[in-house]
Amino acid sequence: YAYARFEDIVEVCRPIMARHGFGIRFEHTREGTMQVCTGILSHEAGHSISDRFEAAPDSGGNKAPIQANGST
């Protein structure tokens, strides 16, 4: 099936969001063995909201540890 890549969606949405004072960014950290991605949506007036996603490294497919982290 066909789907839109996340990068493509963000590329289209970012200028529209900017026109309305919004920005989005992502922070990537580790907590123990879990990788954590935090998305932060902010507005020029100073408001912001964030959400976290935690996942284990993708160890399938005979990946090196750094590749497993990047795949996740």
C-alpha atoms as a PDB file:
ATOM      1  CA  TYR A   1       0.000   0.000   0.000  1.00  0.00           C
ATOM      2  CA  ALA A   2       1.071   3.594  -0.529  1.00  0.00           C
ATOM      3  CA  TYR A   3       1.695   5.911   2.388  1.00  0.00           C
ATOM      4  CA  ALA A   4       3.226   9.316   3.053  1.00  0.00           C
ATOM      5  CA  ARG A   5       6.594   9.389   4.785  1.00  0.00           C
ATOM      6  CA  PHE A   6       6.715  11.326   8.049  1.00  0.00           C
ATOM      7  CA  GLU A   7       9.419  13.650   6.683  1.00  0.00           C
ATOM      8  CA  ASP A   8       7.211  14.536   3.718  1.00  0.00           C
ATOM      9  CA  ILE A   9       4.229  15.296   5.933  1.00  0.00           C
ATOM     10  CA  VAL A  10       6.319  17.556   8.197  1.00  0.00           C
ATOM     11  CA  GLU A  11       7.805  19.358   5.180  1.00  0.00           C
ATOM     12  CA  VAL A  12       4.302  20.253   3.947  1.00  0.00           C
ATOM     13  CA  CYS A  13       2.885  21.106   7.380  1.00  0.00           C
ATOM     14  CA  ARG A  14       5.764  23.202   8.767  1.00  0.00           C
ATOM     15  CA  PRO A  15       5.155  26.345   6.617  1.00  0.00           C
ATOM     16  CA  ILE A  16       1.403  26.192   7.276  1.00  0.00           C
ATOM     17  CA  MET A  17       1.995  25.892  11.003  1.00  0.00           C
ATOM     18  CA  ALA A  18       4.524  28.742  10.911  1.00  0.00           C
ATOM     19  CA  ARG A  19       1.963  31.067   9.299  1.00  0.00           C
ATOM     20  CA  HIS A  20      -0.209  30.526  12.369  1.00  0.00           C
ATOM     21  CA  GLY A  21       2.621  30.940  14.890  1.00  0.00           C
ATOM     22  CA  PHE A  22       3.258  27.248  15.568  1.00  0.00           C
ATOM     23  CA  GLY A  23       6.509  25.323  15.538  1.00  0.00           C
ATOM     24  CA  ILE A  24       7.316  21.680  16.091  1.00  0.00           C
ATOM     25  CA  ARG A  25      10.515  20.022  17.229  1.00  0.00           C
ATOM     26  CA  PHE A  26      11.668  16.658  18.480  1.00  0.00           C
ATOM     27  CA  GLU A  27      14.086  15.606  21.214  1.00  0.00           C
ATOM     28  CA  HIS A  28      15.625  12.144  21.289  1.00  0.00           C
ATOM     29  CA  THR A  29      16.975  10.634  24.514  1.00  0.00           C
ATOM     30  CA  ARG A  30      17.554   7.240  26.134  1.00  0.00           C
ATOM     31  CA  GLU A  31      16.161   5.952  29.414  1.00  0.00           C
ATOM     32  CA  GLY A  32      17.855   2.690  30.273  1.00  0.00           C
ATOM     33  CA  THR A  33      17.440   0.465  27.225  1.00  0.00           C
ATOM     34  CA  MET A  34      14.507   2.446  25.818  1.00  0.00           C
ATOM     35  CA  GLN A  35      14.749   5.187  23.227  1.00  0.00           C
ATOM     36  CA  VAL A  36      12.493   8.149  23.874  1.00  0.00           C
ATOM     37  CA  CYS A  37      11.255  10.601  21.254  1.00  0.00           C
ATOM     38  CA  THR A  38       9.496  13.694  22.590  1.00  0.00           C
ATOM     39  CA  GLY A  39       7.525  15.860  20.188  1.00  0.00           C
ATOM     40  CA  ILE A  40       7.007  19.470  21.255  1.00  0.00           C
ATOM     41  CA  LEU A  41       4.400  21.690  19.621  1.00  0.00           C
ATOM     42  CA  SER A  42       4.799  25.351  20.575  1.00  0.00           C
ATOM     43  CA  HIS A  43       3.153  28.660  19.738  1.00  0.00           C
ATOM     44  CA  GLU A  44       4.772  32.071  19.437  1.00  0.00           C
ATOM     45  CA  ALA A  45       2.601  33.271  22.357  1.00  0.00           C
ATOM     46  CA  GLY A  46       4.589  30.940  24.618  1.00  0.00           C
ATOM     47  CA  HIS A  47       2.268  27.973  24.959  1.00  0.00           C
ATOM     48  CA  SER A  48       3.545  24.465  24.311  1.00  0.00           C
ATOM     49  CA  ILE A  49       2.502  20.840  24.624  1.00  0.00           C
ATOM     50  CA  SER A  50       4.605  17.710  24.387  1.00  0.00           C
ATOM     51  CA  ASP A  51       4.126  13.979  24.015  1.00  0.00           C
ATOM     52  CA  ARG A  52       6.591  11.112  24.440  1.00  0.00           C
ATOM     53  CA  PHE A  53       7.001   7.843  22.601  1.00  0.00           C
ATOM     54  CA  GLU A  54       9.199   5.099  24.052  1.00  0.00           C
ATOM     55  CA  ALA A  55      10.498   2.110  22.105  1.00  0.00           C
ATOM     56  CA  ALA A  56      13.176  -0.539  22.398  1.00  0.00           C
ATOM     57  CA  PRO A  57      15.921  -0.598  19.743  1.00  0.00           C
ATOM     58  CA  ASP A  58      14.908  -2.485  16.570  1.00  0.00           C
ATOM     59  CA  SER A  59      17.210  -5.503  16.881  1.00  0.00           C
ATOM     60  CA  GLY A  60      15.680  -7.489  13.998  1.00  0.00           C
ATOM     61  CA  GLY A  61      17.516  -8.121  10.746  1.00  0.00           C
ATOM     62  CA  ASN A  62      21.054  -8.662  12.069  1.00  0.00           C
ATOM     63  CA  LYS A  63      21.694  -4.951  12.762  1.00  0.00           C
ATOM     64  CA  ALA A  64      24.649  -3.508  14.637  1.00  0.00           C
ATOM     65  CA  PRO A  65      23.593  -1.725  17.878  1.00  0.00           C
ATOM     66  CA  ILE A  66      23.934   1.757  16.319  1.00  0.00           C
ATOM     67  CA  GLN A  67      21.818   0.648  13.354  1.00  0.00           C
ATOM     68  CA  ALA A  68      19.170  -0.745  15.721  1.00  0.00           C
ATOM     69  CA  ASN A  69      18.972   2.655  17.437  1.00  0.00           C
ATOM     70  CA  GLY A  70      18.663   4.497  14.123  1.00  0.00           C
ATOM     71  CA  SER A  71      16.041   2.083  12.845  1.00  0.00           C
ATOM     72  CA  THR A  72      13.889   2.713  15.891  1.00  0.00           C
END
